[in-house]
Amino acid sequence: MALLREKRLQLSLHVPTRAADAQEAGLHRRPNPAAALPLAATTPAARSSQFRVADFEKLAVLGRGNGGTVYKVRHRETCELYALKVQHCNGDATAEAEVLSRTASPFVVRCHSVLPAAASGDVAMLLELVDGGSLDSIVKSRSRGQAEAFSQFPEEALAEVAAQALSGLAYLHARRIVHLDVKPGNLLVSTGGEVKIADFGIARVLPRAGGDDVRCTAYAGTAAYMSPERFDPEAHGGHYDPYAADVWGLGVTVLELLMGRYPLLPAGQRPSWAALMCAICFGETPALSDGEASAELRGFVAACLHKDYRRRASVAELLAHPFVAGRDVAASKCALRKLVTEASMSP
C-alpha cells in the first residue's frame, strides 16, 4: 500500500497536497443534526461583479502552494488590504471557492468575492487578510536562532487556539463541511488574537444521505497530519470518519505548538513516508510529563489522538473539555495576542 501511494502525497509538513485519486470511505459518526443549520442561513461570497483583479495592487507574496499563489493586496481606491489567492483552474480551486461561498463565521477566513483572473481559466479569491499569519509561521519566527523550548506555546495561548479552532470546526461540521487538512499552516491568527481556519483546497461538502450511509470520497491532505485511518484506510476496513480526521489534525497541531516541533517523529528525523506511517499508524503518542504539560492538556491531546477513530473525542466533547471550557478566557486571549505581537516584531 505504501509503495503504491508514495508518489501521490508530498511529505512536506507545511505544504498541502492534492491527491490524484479518490477512495470511498464509510462514515460512522455524524455531527449532531440538531446543531446543523441550513446553508441558506450563511452569507455567500459575492460572485465577481463587485471587484476585478485589476482593482488591486500587489504588495507582497504571502505564500505559494500547489498551482497557486497568495498575495497581500491593496484596493486602489479604498486602500483596504486583502489577501488575493490566485489558482490555476482545476477541481481543487473551484471546490475551494464553492466551499468558502457557503461559510460566514468569525472562525473561518472570509471570502469577499470570487474574481475573474487575468489568465484565462484561473480562479482568484479575494480573502480576508489575517495580519498575524499562520501558527506555523509564528512557531518558525519564535524558533529562529533560539532553542526549541523558546518556540513552544504557553498553555494559556494553546487553550485559546484550541477553543477557537474547535469553534470553527463545529461551524463547518454542522454544515457537513470537512476540512481534511487541519495543521498549523492552515490556522491563521490576527494580532487581535482571532484564530481562523483557512485553505479549503481539499475540503469537501458531504452529501446528505439516509441513515448512516454517508460517504466521504476524499483521500488527500498533508501526510504528516493525516489520521491513521486516512493514512492507511485498508487497515481500517477501508472506512474513515472525516469529522474525526479533522479532530486528529487539530490534536497533532496542538501537540506541535506545545513541543515547538513536529511531535510524532524524533527531533531532526526526516519525515519520509515509511517513518510517518510507522509513527502515525503504529507509534505511541509522545509522553508528556507533569512538568511539560498540565493534566488537562495531556488529557485533551490524548482525546484527540486515539488511533481508533471511533474512540476519538468529537468536536462537541472537546469544546466541553476542561482544557478548553475551564480556561481563563481573558488571560488566554492576552497570551495569544502577546505571542502574535512578538512574532510580528521578530526580524
Foldseek 3Di string as FASTA:
>chain_A
DLVVCQVQADQDQAAWGAGPFWFKAFADDAPDLVLADDLVVAAFAAEAPPDAPVQWDFDAWQDDHDQWTWTWIAGPPPRDIWIKIKGAADPLLVQQNVLLRSDDDLQAKHFRYWHCHPDPRMIMTTIHDAPLAFQVLLLCLQPVVHDLQRSAADLLQLLLQLLSNLVQLSRQSSQQKFQLEQARNQWGAHLQGHIHGHDSSQIDRWDDDPDRGTIDGGQTYNLLLFALCSLPVVVVVVHDHRQLRNLSSSLQRSVCNLRSHRFQDPPPDDRRSVSSNCSRNPNDGDDDDCVSDPPQNVVLSVLSRDSPSVSRDGSVVSCVRCSRVVHPNVVSSVSNSVSSVVSVPRD
